[in-house]
Amino acid sequence: MELNADFSERVLVHSDEVAWQASPMPGVDRRMLDRIGGEVARATTIVRYAPDSQFSAHTHSGGEEFIVLDGVFQDEHGDYPAGTYVRNPPTTSHTPGSEQGCTIFVKLWQFDMDDRNQFRKDMADELGDAQDGVAVAELHSDPRETVRYAHLDAGAHWHVSDAGGIELLMIDGTMIQGGEELRKGSWLRLPEGGPLKVEAGPEGAKVWMKTGHLPFAKPPAA
């Protein structure tokens, strides 16, 4: 399966307009944003766990990172409330689920295969002081990518020109990019060489962003 697999193109998806699709596990549904591969795939997805649902135990052969968007995600390592960012690198394993239900934004098979840096962070706790109405947290950085979280005040302008492509998910609020409005749940991917210039809407914006990673996009290892 290939979905939004041409990384030389700009892609904007309003995830609330994408139909939920059942996963192989009862009570776990997903909205696919980009994908290369079958059930094992390099994938970017929004996943919804119904209350008392659980995914089977598995090892992350290609790594997994996710943001908890609402509810509380759980596994044998602990509880992860909304606003938590988690990196589970290759070779890690868990049995995910949620007693109360939750929604997460998850990226699979997008790690350096030698990465072993596993952690969880409360994204808001990592924010620095605002400059010109923009407060930014650097959640992770390595030679392949940089991951950030940002709060923009109403009307604030933000310009990012990192090499290697830019990808973002709107956590809350609104922004204008390229004459189009991004709202809660909007996912934007800009190709390498495409800078990001945005203006926050009247309620401000909360944004997760990854840069530098698109040249490394490829299908999962056999």
N, C-alpha and C. Protein backbone atom coordinates (compact mmCIF):
# COMPACT_ATOMS: atom_id res chain seq x y z
N MET A 1 0.84 -1.19 0.00
CA MET A 1 0.00 0.00 0.00
C MET A 1 0.87 1.25 0.00
N GLU A 2 0.52 2.22 -0.81
CA GLU A 2 1.18 3.52 -0.79
C GLU A 2 0.14 4.61 -0.63
N LEU A 3 0.35 5.47 0.35
CA LEU A 3 -0.54 6.60 0.61
C LEU A 3 0.31 7.82 0.90
N ASN A 4 0.14 8.89 0.10
CA ASN A 4 0.94 10.10 0.24
C ASN A 4 2.43 9.75 0.32
N ALA A 5 2.85 8.88 -0.58
CA ALA A 5 4.20 8.33 -0.56
C ALA A 5 5.18 9.07 -1.46
N ASP A 6 4.74 10.16 -2.12
CA ASP A 6 5.64 10.98 -2.92
C ASP A 6 6.13 12.11 -2.02
N PHE A 7 7.34 11.98 -1.49
CA PHE A 7 7.84 12.93 -0.51
C PHE A 7 8.38 14.21 -1.14
N SER A 8 8.25 14.33 -2.45
CA SER A 8 8.63 15.57 -3.12
C SER A 8 7.43 16.52 -3.23
N GLU A 9 6.26 16.11 -2.76
CA GLU A 9 5.05 16.92 -2.86
C GLU A 9 4.60 17.45 -1.50
N ARG A 10 3.98 18.62 -1.53
CA ARG A 10 3.30 19.14 -0.34
C ARG A 10 2.02 18.36 -0.13
N VAL A 11 1.75 17.97 1.11
CA VAL A 11 0.54 17.24 1.43
C VAL A 11 -0.11 17.88 2.65
N LEU A 12 -1.41 18.14 2.56
CA LEU A 12 -2.18 18.64 3.69
C LEU A 12 -3.41 17.76 3.85
N VAL A 13 -3.56 17.18 5.04
CA VAL A 13 -4.70 16.32 5.34
C VAL A 13 -5.39 16.85 6.59
N HIS A 14 -6.68 17.12 6.49
CA HIS A 14 -7.48 17.45 7.67
C HIS A 14 -8.00 16.11 8.20
N SER A 15 -7.40 15.64 9.27
CA SER A 15 -7.68 14.26 9.69
C SER A 15 -9.13 14.04 10.10
N ASP A 16 -9.82 15.11 10.50
CA ASP A 16 -11.22 14.92 10.88
C ASP A 16 -12.12 14.64 9.68
N GLU A 17 -11.55 14.76 8.47
CA GLU A 17 -12.30 14.43 7.26
C GLU A 17 -11.97 13.02 6.74
N VAL A 18 -11.08 12.32 7.43
CA VAL A 18 -10.65 10.99 7.02
C VAL A 18 -11.46 9.95 7.80
N ALA A 19 -12.01 8.98 7.12
CA ALA A 19 -12.82 7.95 7.77
C ALA A 19 -11.94 7.05 8.64
N TRP A 20 -12.48 6.67 9.78
CA TRP A 20 -11.81 5.68 10.63
C TRP A 20 -11.86 4.31 9.95
N GLN A 21 -10.75 3.58 10.03
CA GLN A 21 -10.68 2.21 9.51
C GLN A 21 -10.32 1.27 10.65
N ALA A 22 -10.96 0.12 10.68
CA ALA A 22 -10.68 -0.85 11.73
C ALA A 22 -9.27 -1.42 11.56
N SER A 23 -8.57 -1.58 12.67
CA SER A 23 -7.28 -2.27 12.67
C SER A 23 -7.53 -3.76 12.88
N PRO A 24 -6.48 -4.58 12.87
CA PRO A 24 -6.69 -6.01 13.14
C PRO A 24 -7.16 -6.30 14.57
N MET A 25 -7.07 -5.31 15.49
CA MET A 25 -7.46 -5.53 16.87
C MET A 25 -8.82 -4.88 17.14
N PRO A 26 -9.79 -5.61 17.71
CA PRO A 26 -11.11 -5.02 18.02
C PRO A 26 -10.98 -3.82 18.94
N GLY A 27 -11.73 -2.76 18.61
CA GLY A 27 -11.72 -1.55 19.43
C GLY A 27 -10.62 -0.57 19.11
N VAL A 28 -9.75 -0.91 18.16
CA VAL A 28 -8.65 -0.02 17.78
C VAL A 28 -8.84 0.37 16.32
N ASP A 29 -9.09 1.65 16.08
CA ASP A 29 -9.33 2.17 14.72
C ASP A 29 -8.25 3.18 14.36
N ARG A 30 -8.14 3.49 13.07
CA ARG A 30 -7.05 4.38 12.66
C ARG A 30 -7.44 5.23 11.45
N ARG A 31 -6.82 6.39 11.39
CA ARG A 31 -6.88 7.27 10.24
C ARG A 31 -5.48 7.34 9.65
N MET A 32 -5.30 6.84 8.45
CA MET A 32 -3.98 6.79 7.83
C MET A 32 -3.65 8.12 7.16
N LEU A 33 -2.45 8.63 7.41
CA LEU A 33 -2.00 9.90 6.84
C LEU A 33 -0.96 9.67 5.75
N ASP A 34 0.05 8.88 6.02
CA ASP A 34 0.92 8.40 4.95
C ASP A 34 1.36 6.98 5.28
N ARG A 35 1.73 6.25 4.23
CA ARG A 35 2.00 4.81 4.44
C ARG A 35 2.76 4.25 3.25
N ILE A 36 3.78 3.44 3.54
CA ILE A 36 4.47 2.64 2.54
C ILE A 36 4.57 1.24 3.12
N GLY A 37 3.81 0.30 2.58
CA GLY A 37 3.85 -1.07 3.06
C GLY A 37 2.47 -1.57 3.45
N GLY A 38 2.40 -2.82 3.83
CA GLY A 38 1.13 -3.43 4.22
C GLY A 38 0.85 -3.24 5.70
N GLU A 39 0.55 -4.35 6.40
CA GLU A 39 0.30 -4.22 7.84
C GLU A 39 1.58 -3.86 8.58
N VAL A 40 2.73 -4.27 8.04
CA VAL A 40 4.03 -3.76 8.49
C VAL A 40 4.42 -2.65 7.52
N ALA A 41 4.49 -1.40 8.01
CA ALA A 41 4.65 -0.27 7.09
C ALA A 41 5.40 0.88 7.75
N ARG A 42 6.08 1.66 6.88
CA ARG A 42 6.49 2.99 7.30
C ARG A 42 5.22 3.82 7.28
N ALA A 43 4.74 4.23 8.44
CA ALA A 43 3.39 4.78 8.50
C ALA A 43 3.30 5.95 9.48
N THR A 44 2.42 6.87 9.12
CA THR A 44 2.03 7.98 10.00
C THR A 44 0.52 7.90 10.13
N THR A 45 0.02 7.78 11.35
CA THR A 45 -1.37 7.40 11.57
C THR A 45 -1.92 8.03 12.84
N ILE A 46 -3.19 8.34 12.84
CA ILE A 46 -3.90 8.66 14.08
C ILE A 46 -4.68 7.41 14.48
N VAL A 47 -4.47 6.98 15.71
CA VAL A 47 -5.05 5.72 16.20
C VAL A 47 -5.96 6.00 17.39
N ARG A 48 -7.14 5.40 17.37
CA ARG A 48 -8.13 5.59 18.44
C ARG A 48 -8.37 4.26 19.16
N TYR A 49 -8.16 4.29 20.46
CA TYR A 49 -8.44 3.13 21.31
C TYR A 49 -9.77 3.35 22.01
N ALA A 50 -10.71 2.43 21.84
CA ALA A 50 -11.96 2.47 22.59
C ALA A 50 -11.67 2.14 24.05
N PRO A 51 -12.54 2.54 24.99
CA PRO A 51 -12.33 2.16 26.39
C PRO A 51 -12.15 0.65 26.54
N ASP A 52 -11.19 0.28 27.37
CA ASP A 52 -10.89 -1.13 27.68
C ASP A 52 -10.41 -1.92 26.47
N SER A 53 -9.84 -1.24 25.48
CA SER A 53 -9.27 -1.94 24.34
C SER A 53 -7.76 -2.08 24.52
N GLN A 54 -7.20 -3.04 23.81
CA GLN A 54 -5.77 -3.33 23.96
C GLN A 54 -5.23 -3.90 22.66
N PHE A 55 -4.00 -3.53 22.35
CA PHE A 55 -3.31 -4.12 21.21
C PHE A 55 -2.44 -5.25 21.73
N SER A 56 -2.19 -6.23 20.92
CA SER A 56 -1.40 -7.37 21.37
C SER A 56 0.06 -6.95 21.62
N ALA A 57 0.74 -7.70 22.46
CA ALA A 57 2.15 -7.43 22.75
C ALA A 57 2.97 -7.50 21.46
N HIS A 58 3.89 -6.56 21.31
CA HIS A 58 4.72 -6.56 20.10
C HIS A 58 6.05 -5.87 20.35
N THR A 59 7.01 -6.20 19.51
CA THR A 59 8.32 -5.56 19.53
C THR A 59 8.40 -4.57 18.38
N HIS A 60 8.99 -3.42 18.64
CA HIS A 60 9.11 -2.37 17.62
C HIS A 60 10.36 -2.62 16.79
N SER A 61 10.21 -3.42 15.75
CA SER A 61 11.36 -3.75 14.91
C SER A 61 11.95 -2.52 14.24
N GLY A 62 11.07 -1.56 13.88
CA GLY A 62 11.53 -0.34 13.22
C GLY A 62 11.35 0.92 14.03
N GLY A 63 10.99 0.77 15.31
CA GLY A 63 10.80 1.93 16.17
C GLY A 63 9.41 2.53 16.05
N GLU A 64 9.02 3.23 17.11
CA GLU A 64 7.70 3.87 17.19
C GLU A 64 7.83 5.15 18.00
N GLU A 65 7.23 6.21 17.51
CA GLU A 65 7.08 7.42 18.33
C GLU A 65 5.63 7.85 18.28
N PHE A 66 5.15 8.43 19.37
CA PHE A 66 3.75 8.85 19.37
C PHE A 66 3.51 10.01 20.33
N ILE A 67 2.40 10.71 20.06
CA ILE A 67 1.88 11.77 20.93
C ILE A 67 0.51 11.31 21.40
N VAL A 68 0.22 11.47 22.67
CA VAL A 68 -1.13 11.22 23.17
C VAL A 68 -1.94 12.49 22.97
N LEU A 69 -2.98 12.40 22.14
CA LEU A 69 -3.79 13.57 21.79
C LEU A 69 -4.94 13.78 22.77
N ASP A 70 -5.56 12.71 23.23
CA ASP A 70 -6.59 12.83 24.26
C ASP A 70 -6.70 11.51 25.01
N GLY A 71 -7.29 11.54 26.20
CA GLY A 71 -7.39 10.36 27.02
C GLY A 71 -6.07 9.99 27.66
N VAL A 72 -5.95 8.72 28.06
CA VAL A 72 -4.72 8.21 28.69
C VAL A 72 -4.34 6.89 28.01
N PHE A 73 -3.18 6.89 27.37
CA PHE A 73 -2.61 5.68 26.79
C PHE A 73 -1.89 4.92 27.91
N GLN A 74 -1.91 3.60 27.83
CA GLN A 74 -1.29 2.80 28.89
C GLN A 74 -0.55 1.60 28.32
N ASP A 75 0.51 1.21 29.02
CA ASP A 75 1.15 -0.07 28.77
C ASP A 75 1.77 -0.53 30.09
N GLU A 76 2.53 -1.62 30.06
CA GLU A 76 3.08 -2.14 31.30
C GLU A 76 4.13 -1.23 31.92
N HIS A 77 4.55 -0.18 31.18
CA HIS A 77 5.55 0.76 31.70
C HIS A 77 4.92 1.97 32.38
N GLY A 78 3.60 2.18 32.22
CA GLY A 78 2.98 3.30 32.90
C GLY A 78 1.80 3.88 32.15
N ASP A 79 1.32 5.03 32.64
CA ASP A 79 0.21 5.77 32.04
C ASP A 79 0.77 7.00 31.34
N TYR A 80 0.18 7.33 30.18
CA TYR A 80 0.66 8.43 29.36
C TYR A 80 -0.52 9.35 29.04
N PRO A 81 -0.68 10.44 29.78
CA PRO A 81 -1.82 11.33 29.54
C PRO A 81 -1.63 12.19 28.31
N ALA A 82 -2.70 12.87 27.92
CA ALA A 82 -2.65 13.78 26.77
C ALA A 82 -1.50 14.77 26.95
N GLY A 83 -0.79 15.01 25.85
CA GLY A 83 0.35 15.92 25.88
C GLY A 83 1.68 15.22 26.06
N THR A 84 1.68 13.89 26.17
CA THR A 84 2.91 13.12 26.33
C THR A 84 3.50 12.75 24.96
N TYR A 85 4.81 12.92 24.83
CA TYR A 85 5.54 12.49 23.63
C TYR A 85 6.43 11.32 24.03
N VAL A 86 6.39 10.24 23.24
CA VAL A 86 7.10 9.00 23.58
C VAL A 86 7.91 8.53 22.37
N ARG A 87 9.15 8.10 22.63
CA ARG A 87 9.96 7.45 21.60
C ARG A 87 10.33 6.06 22.10
N ASN A 88 9.91 5.05 21.35
CA ASN A 88 10.24 3.65 21.59
C ASN A 88 11.09 3.16 20.43
N PRO A 89 12.40 3.16 20.57
CA PRO A 89 13.27 2.83 19.44
C PRO A 89 13.25 1.35 19.10
N PRO A 90 13.91 0.96 18.00
CA PRO A 90 13.98 -0.44 17.63
C PRO A 90 14.45 -1.32 18.78
N THR A 91 13.86 -2.49 18.87
CA THR A 91 14.09 -3.55 19.87
C THR A 91 13.23 -3.39 21.11
N THR A 92 12.56 -2.24 21.34
CA THR A 92 11.69 -2.10 22.50
C THR A 92 10.38 -2.84 22.25
N SER A 93 9.66 -3.13 23.34
CA SER A 93 8.40 -3.85 23.21
C SER A 93 7.43 -3.41 24.29
N HIS A 94 6.15 -3.62 24.04
CA HIS A 94 5.12 -3.33 25.05
C HIS A 94 3.79 -3.93 24.61
N THR A 95 2.81 -3.81 25.53
CA THR A 95 1.43 -4.22 25.27
C THR A 95 0.54 -3.00 25.49
N PRO A 96 0.23 -2.24 24.44
CA PRO A 96 -0.49 -0.98 24.59
C PRO A 96 -1.99 -1.17 24.73
N GLY A 97 -2.62 -0.20 25.40
CA GLY A 97 -4.07 -0.21 25.54
C GLY A 97 -4.53 1.03 26.27
N SER A 98 -5.82 1.04 26.65
CA SER A 98 -6.37 2.19 27.36
C SER A 98 -7.64 1.79 28.08
N GLU A 99 -7.68 2.01 29.39
CA GLU A 99 -8.88 1.70 30.14
C GLU A 99 -10.01 2.68 29.83
N GLN A 100 -9.67 3.97 29.73
CA GLN A 100 -10.70 4.99 29.50
C GLN A 100 -10.86 5.37 28.04
N GLY A 101 -9.96 4.87 27.20
CA GLY A 101 -9.96 5.26 25.79
C GLY A 101 -8.98 6.40 25.54
N CYS A 102 -8.43 6.47 24.36
CA CYS A 102 -7.49 7.53 24.03
C CYS A 102 -7.32 7.61 22.52
N THR A 103 -6.70 8.70 22.08
CA THR A 103 -6.31 8.88 20.68
C THR A 103 -4.85 9.28 20.65
N ILE A 104 -4.09 8.66 19.76
CA ILE A 104 -2.67 8.99 19.63
C ILE A 104 -2.32 9.25 18.17
N PHE A 105 -1.27 10.03 17.97
CA PHE A 105 -0.66 10.25 16.66
C PHE A 105 0.64 9.45 16.69
N VAL A 106 0.79 8.50 15.77
CA VAL A 106 1.91 7.56 15.87
C VAL A 106 2.64 7.44 14.54
N LYS A 107 3.98 7.31 14.62
CA LYS A 107 4.83 7.13 13.45
C LYS A 107 5.65 5.86 13.65
N LEU A 108 5.61 4.97 12.65
CA LEU A 108 6.26 3.67 12.71
C LEU A 108 7.33 3.54 11.62
N TRP A 109 8.38 2.80 11.95
CA TRP A 109 9.46 2.50 11.01
C TRP A 109 10.10 3.77 10.45
N GLN A 110 10.39 4.73 11.32
CA GLN A 110 11.01 5.98 10.87
C GLN A 110 12.23 6.33 11.72
N PHE A 111 12.85 5.31 12.31
CA PHE A 111 14.01 5.48 13.19
C PHE A 111 15.30 5.07 12.49
N ASP A 112 16.42 5.63 12.96
CA ASP A 112 17.73 5.05 12.71
C ASP A 112 17.73 3.68 13.40
N MET A 113 18.09 2.63 12.70
CA MET A 113 18.01 1.29 13.26
C MET A 113 18.98 1.07 14.42
N ASP A 114 19.96 1.97 14.60
CA ASP A 114 20.88 1.88 15.74
C ASP A 114 20.45 2.74 16.92
N ASP A 115 19.35 3.48 16.78
CA ASP A 115 18.86 4.33 17.86
C ASP A 115 18.37 3.46 19.02
N ARG A 116 18.79 3.78 20.23
CA ARG A 116 18.32 3.08 21.42
C ARG A 116 17.87 4.08 22.50
N ASN A 117 17.58 5.30 22.09
CA ASN A 117 17.21 6.37 23.03
C ASN A 117 15.71 6.33 23.30
N GLN A 118 15.31 5.67 24.36
CA GLN A 118 13.90 5.55 24.71
C GLN A 118 13.56 6.57 25.80
N PHE A 119 12.46 7.31 25.61
CA PHE A 119 12.06 8.27 26.64
C PHE A 119 10.61 8.69 26.45
N ARG A 120 10.08 9.37 27.47
CA ARG A 120 8.78 10.02 27.41
C ARG A 120 8.94 11.42 27.98
N LYS A 121 8.19 12.38 27.42
CA LYS A 121 8.26 13.76 27.89
C LYS A 121 6.87 14.37 27.88
N ASP A 122 6.59 15.21 28.87
CA ASP A 122 5.43 16.08 28.82
C ASP A 122 5.83 17.27 27.95
N MET A 123 5.22 17.42 26.80
CA MET A 123 5.68 18.41 25.83
C MET A 123 5.61 19.83 26.38
N ALA A 124 4.53 20.17 27.08
CA ALA A 124 4.38 21.53 27.60
C ALA A 124 5.45 21.86 28.62
N ASP A 125 5.90 20.86 29.40
CA ASP A 125 6.93 21.10 30.41
C ASP A 125 8.26 21.47 29.78
N GLU A 126 8.46 21.13 28.52
CA GLU A 126 9.73 21.37 27.85
C GLU A 126 9.82 22.74 27.18
N LEU A 127 8.72 23.50 27.15
CA LEU A 127 8.70 24.78 26.44
C LEU A 127 9.65 25.79 27.07
N GLY A 128 10.35 26.52 26.20
CA GLY A 128 11.17 27.63 26.65
C GLY A 128 10.36 28.91 26.69
N ASP A 129 11.04 30.01 26.98
CA ASP A 129 10.38 31.31 27.00
C ASP A 129 9.98 31.73 25.59
N ALA A 130 8.85 32.41 25.50
CA ALA A 130 8.36 32.85 24.20
C ALA A 130 9.21 33.98 23.65
N GLN A 131 9.43 33.94 22.34
CA GLN A 131 10.08 35.03 21.62
C GLN A 131 9.20 35.41 20.45
N ASP A 132 8.80 36.68 20.42
CA ASP A 132 7.88 37.17 19.39
C ASP A 132 6.61 36.33 19.33
N GLY A 133 6.15 35.91 20.50
CA GLY A 133 4.89 35.18 20.58
C GLY A 133 4.98 33.69 20.29
N VAL A 134 6.21 33.14 20.19
CA VAL A 134 6.38 31.73 19.89
C VAL A 134 7.29 31.08 20.95
N ALA A 135 6.76 30.09 21.66
CA ALA A 135 7.55 29.31 22.62
C ALA A 135 7.78 27.93 22.03
N VAL A 136 9.04 27.47 22.05
CA VAL A 136 9.40 26.22 21.39
C VAL A 136 10.11 25.29 22.36
N ALA A 137 9.79 23.99 22.27
CA ALA A 137 10.51 22.93 22.98
C ALA A 137 11.18 22.03 21.96
N GLU A 138 12.45 21.75 22.14
CA GLU A 138 13.12 20.74 21.33
C GLU A 138 12.99 19.41 22.07
N LEU A 139 12.20 18.51 21.52
CA LEU A 139 11.92 17.24 22.18
C LEU A 139 12.97 16.18 21.88
N HIS A 140 13.56 16.26 20.69
CA HIS A 140 14.55 15.27 20.29
C HIS A 140 15.34 15.82 19.12
N SER A 141 16.64 15.49 19.07
CA SER A 141 17.46 15.88 17.93
C SER A 141 18.57 14.86 17.74
N ASP A 142 18.78 14.45 16.50
CA ASP A 142 19.90 13.59 16.13
C ASP A 142 20.30 13.95 14.70
N PRO A 143 21.30 13.30 14.12
CA PRO A 143 21.76 13.70 12.78
C PRO A 143 20.70 13.54 11.69
N ARG A 144 19.63 12.79 11.96
CA ARG A 144 18.59 12.55 10.95
C ARG A 144 17.39 13.48 11.07
N GLU A 145 17.14 14.01 12.26
CA GLU A 145 15.88 14.74 12.46
C GLU A 145 15.90 15.58 13.72
N THR A 146 14.98 16.55 13.75
CA THR A 146 14.73 17.35 14.94
C THR A 146 13.23 17.36 15.18
N VAL A 147 12.83 17.14 16.42
CA VAL A 147 11.42 17.12 16.80
C VAL A 147 11.16 18.25 17.78
N ARG A 148 10.12 19.05 17.50
CA ARG A 148 9.81 20.20 18.33
C ARG A 148 8.32 20.23 18.69
N TYR A 149 8.03 21.00 19.71
CA TYR A 149 6.65 21.32 20.09
C TYR A 149 6.62 22.83 20.28
N ALA A 150 5.56 23.50 19.81
CA ALA A 150 5.52 24.95 19.87
C ALA A 150 4.14 25.46 20.27
N HIS A 151 4.13 26.55 21.03
CA HIS A 151 2.93 27.31 21.33
C HIS A 151 3.05 28.67 20.64
N LEU A 152 2.06 29.03 19.84
CA LEU A 152 2.04 30.33 19.18
C LEU A 152 0.91 31.17 19.76
N ASP A 153 1.23 32.39 20.14
CA ASP A 153 0.20 33.31 20.57
C ASP A 153 -0.66 33.74 19.39
N ALA A 154 -1.82 34.27 19.67
CA ALA A 154 -2.71 34.75 18.61
C ALA A 154 -1.96 35.73 17.71
N GLY A 155 -2.03 35.50 16.41
CA GLY A 155 -1.42 36.40 15.43
C GLY A 155 0.08 36.26 15.28
N ALA A 156 0.72 35.36 16.03
CA ALA A 156 2.18 35.21 15.95
C ALA A 156 2.59 34.61 14.60
N HIS A 157 3.75 35.04 14.11
CA HIS A 157 4.32 34.52 12.88
C HIS A 157 5.48 33.58 13.23
N TRP A 158 5.59 32.46 12.49
CA TRP A 158 6.66 31.50 12.73
C TRP A 158 7.22 31.07 11.39
N HIS A 159 8.55 31.12 11.28
CA HIS A 159 9.24 30.76 10.04
C HIS A 159 10.28 29.70 10.36
N VAL A 160 10.16 28.54 9.72
CA VAL A 160 11.12 27.44 9.89
C VAL A 160 11.65 27.06 8.52
N SER A 161 12.97 27.01 8.37
CA SER A 161 13.56 26.71 7.06
C SER A 161 14.55 25.56 7.13
N ASP A 162 14.37 24.64 8.06
CA ASP A 162 15.28 23.50 8.20
C ASP A 162 15.36 22.70 6.90
N ALA A 163 16.55 22.17 6.61
CA ALA A 163 16.72 21.28 5.46
C ALA A 163 16.08 19.93 5.75
N GLY A 164 15.76 19.19 4.69
CA GLY A 164 15.32 17.82 4.86
C GLY A 164 13.84 17.62 5.04
N GLY A 165 13.05 18.65 4.74
CA GLY A 165 11.60 18.51 4.83
C GLY A 165 11.04 18.89 6.19
N ILE A 166 9.76 19.20 6.21
CA ILE A 166 9.07 19.64 7.42
C ILE A 166 7.72 18.94 7.49
N GLU A 167 7.38 18.46 8.67
CA GLU A 167 6.10 17.80 8.90
C GLU A 167 5.52 18.31 10.20
N LEU A 168 4.23 18.57 10.23
CA LEU A 168 3.64 19.05 11.49
C LEU A 168 2.23 18.51 11.67
N LEU A 169 1.84 18.45 12.94
CA LEU A 169 0.47 18.12 13.32
C LEU A 169 -0.06 19.23 14.20
N MET A 170 -1.24 19.73 13.86
CA MET A 170 -1.89 20.74 14.69
C MET A 170 -2.52 20.05 15.91
N ILE A 171 -2.04 20.40 17.08
CA ILE A 171 -2.57 19.85 18.32
C ILE A 171 -3.81 20.61 18.77
N ASP A 172 -3.78 21.92 18.55
CA ASP A 172 -4.92 22.76 18.93
C ASP A 172 -4.79 24.12 18.24
N GLY A 173 -5.91 24.84 18.16
CA GLY A 173 -5.91 26.17 17.57
C GLY A 173 -5.93 26.13 16.05
N THR A 174 -5.52 27.26 15.44
CA THR A 174 -5.49 27.37 13.99
C THR A 174 -4.25 28.14 13.54
N MET A 175 -3.85 27.91 12.29
CA MET A 175 -2.77 28.65 11.65
C MET A 175 -3.10 28.78 10.17
N ILE A 176 -2.52 29.78 9.54
CA ILE A 176 -2.62 29.94 8.09
C ILE A 176 -1.26 29.62 7.48
N GLN A 177 -1.26 28.71 6.48
CA GLN A 177 -0.05 28.37 5.75
C GLN A 177 -0.40 28.26 4.28
N GLY A 178 0.30 28.99 3.45
CA GLY A 178 0.06 28.94 2.01
C GLY A 178 -1.36 29.32 1.64
N GLY A 179 -1.96 30.22 2.42
CA GLY A 179 -3.32 30.65 2.13
C GLY A 179 -4.40 29.70 2.61
N GLU A 180 -4.02 28.60 3.27
CA GLU A 180 -4.99 27.61 3.76
C GLU A 180 -4.97 27.58 5.28
N GLU A 181 -6.13 27.30 5.86
CA GLU A 181 -6.22 27.22 7.31
C GLU A 181 -5.92 25.80 7.79
N LEU A 182 -5.04 25.71 8.76
CA LEU A 182 -4.77 24.46 9.46
C LEU A 182 -5.49 24.54 10.80
N ARG A 183 -6.19 23.46 11.14
CA ARG A 183 -6.96 23.43 12.39
C ARG A 183 -6.57 22.19 13.20
N LYS A 184 -7.15 22.06 14.36
CA LYS A 184 -6.86 20.91 15.21
C LYS A 184 -7.00 19.62 14.40
N GLY A 185 -5.94 18.80 14.40
CA GLY A 185 -5.94 17.55 13.66
C GLY A 185 -5.39 17.65 12.25
N SER A 186 -5.12 18.85 11.76
CA SER A 186 -4.54 18.98 10.41
C SER A 186 -3.09 18.51 10.42
N TRP A 187 -2.73 17.78 9.37
CA TRP A 187 -1.37 17.25 9.21
C TRP A 187 -0.80 17.78 7.91
N LEU A 188 0.36 18.41 7.99
CA LEU A 188 1.01 19.04 6.84
C LEU A 188 2.40 18.47 6.68
N ARG A 189 2.76 18.15 5.41
CA ARG A 189 4.12 17.73 5.10
C ARG A 189 4.63 18.55 3.95
N LEU A 190 5.76 19.22 4.14
CA LEU A 190 6.39 20.03 3.11
C LEU A 190 7.66 19.34 2.64
N PRO A 191 7.92 19.30 1.33
CA PRO A 191 9.09 18.60 0.82
C PRO A 191 10.38 19.31 1.18
N GLU A 192 11.48 18.62 0.96
CA GLU A 192 12.79 19.20 1.21
C GLU A 192 12.94 20.49 0.41
N GLY A 193 13.42 21.55 1.07
CA GLY A 193 13.58 22.85 0.44
C GLY A 193 12.37 23.74 0.54
N GLY A 194 11.27 23.22 1.11
CA GLY A 194 10.06 24.03 1.28
C GLY A 194 9.98 24.61 2.67
N PRO A 195 10.28 25.90 2.86
CA PRO A 195 10.22 26.49 4.20
C PRO A 195 8.78 26.62 4.69
N LEU A 196 8.63 26.67 5.99
CA LEU A 196 7.33 26.85 6.62
C LEU A 196 7.18 28.29 7.06
N LYS A 197 6.12 28.95 6.62
CA LYS A 197 5.77 30.29 7.07
C LYS A 197 4.31 30.26 7.47
N VAL A 198 4.04 30.50 8.76
CA VAL A 198 2.67 30.41 9.25
C VAL A 198 2.34 31.63 10.11
N GLU A 199 1.03 31.88 10.22
CA GLU A 199 0.51 32.90 11.13
C GLU A 199 -0.58 32.24 11.97
N ALA A 200 -0.46 32.37 13.28
CA ALA A 200 -1.44 31.76 14.17
C ALA A 200 -2.76 32.51 14.11
N GLY A 201 -3.85 31.78 14.30
CA GLY A 201 -5.18 32.35 14.30
C GLY A 201 -5.50 33.07 15.61
N PRO A 202 -6.74 33.52 15.76
CA PRO A 202 -7.11 34.35 16.92
C PRO A 202 -7.04 33.61 18.26
N GLU A 203 -7.08 32.29 18.24
CA GLU A 203 -6.96 31.53 19.49
C GLU A 203 -5.55 30.97 19.70
N GLY A 204 -4.60 31.34 18.83
CA GLY A 204 -3.25 30.81 18.93
C GLY A 204 -3.18 29.41 18.34
N ALA A 205 -2.07 28.72 18.58
CA ALA A 205 -1.88 27.38 18.02
C ALA A 205 -0.89 26.59 18.88
N LYS A 206 -1.11 25.27 18.91
CA LYS A 206 -0.18 24.33 19.51
C LYS A 206 0.19 23.32 18.43
N VAL A 207 1.50 23.12 18.23
CA VAL A 207 1.98 22.40 17.05
C VAL A 207 3.10 21.44 17.42
N TRP A 208 3.01 20.20 16.89
CA TRP A 208 4.13 19.26 16.93
C TRP A 208 4.79 19.28 15.55
N MET A 209 6.13 19.25 15.53
CA MET A 209 6.83 19.36 14.25
C MET A 209 8.06 18.45 14.22
N LYS A 210 8.31 17.88 13.04
CA LYS A 210 9.54 17.12 12.77
C LYS A 210 10.17 17.68 11.51
N THR A 211 11.49 17.85 11.51
CA THR A 211 12.20 18.34 10.33
C THR A 211 13.43 17.49 10.06
N GLY A 212 13.89 17.51 8.79
CA GLY A 212 15.13 16.86 8.41
C GLY A 212 15.03 15.41 8.02
N HIS A 213 13.87 14.79 8.19
CA HIS A 213 13.74 13.34 8.12
C HIS A 213 13.36 12.77 6.76
N LEU A 214 12.84 13.59 5.86
CA LEU A 214 12.27 13.04 4.63
C LEU A 214 13.28 12.36 3.71
N PRO A 215 14.55 12.79 3.65
CA PRO A 215 15.49 12.06 2.79
C PRO A 215 15.70 10.61 3.23
N PHE A 216 15.32 10.26 4.44
CA PHE A 216 15.55 8.91 4.95
C PHE A 216 14.30 8.02 4.80
N ALA A 217 13.22 8.56 4.23
CA ALA A 217 11.98 7.80 4.10
C ALA A 217 12.18 6.62 3.15
N LYS A 218 11.80 5.43 3.63
CA LYS A 218 11.90 4.23 2.80
C LYS A 218 11.00 3.15 3.40
N PRO A 219 10.68 2.11 2.63
CA PRO A 219 9.85 1.03 3.16
C PRO A 219 10.53 0.31 4.30
N PRO A 220 9.77 -0.42 5.12
CA PRO A 220 10.39 -1.21 6.19
C PRO A 220 11.38 -2.22 5.65
N ALA A 221 12.37 -2.54 6.47
CA ALA A 221 13.34 -3.57 6.07
C ALA A 221 12.63 -4.91 5.96
N ALA A 222 13.06 -5.70 5.04
CA ALA A 222 12.44 -7.02 4.83
C ALA A 222 12.65 -7.91 6.04
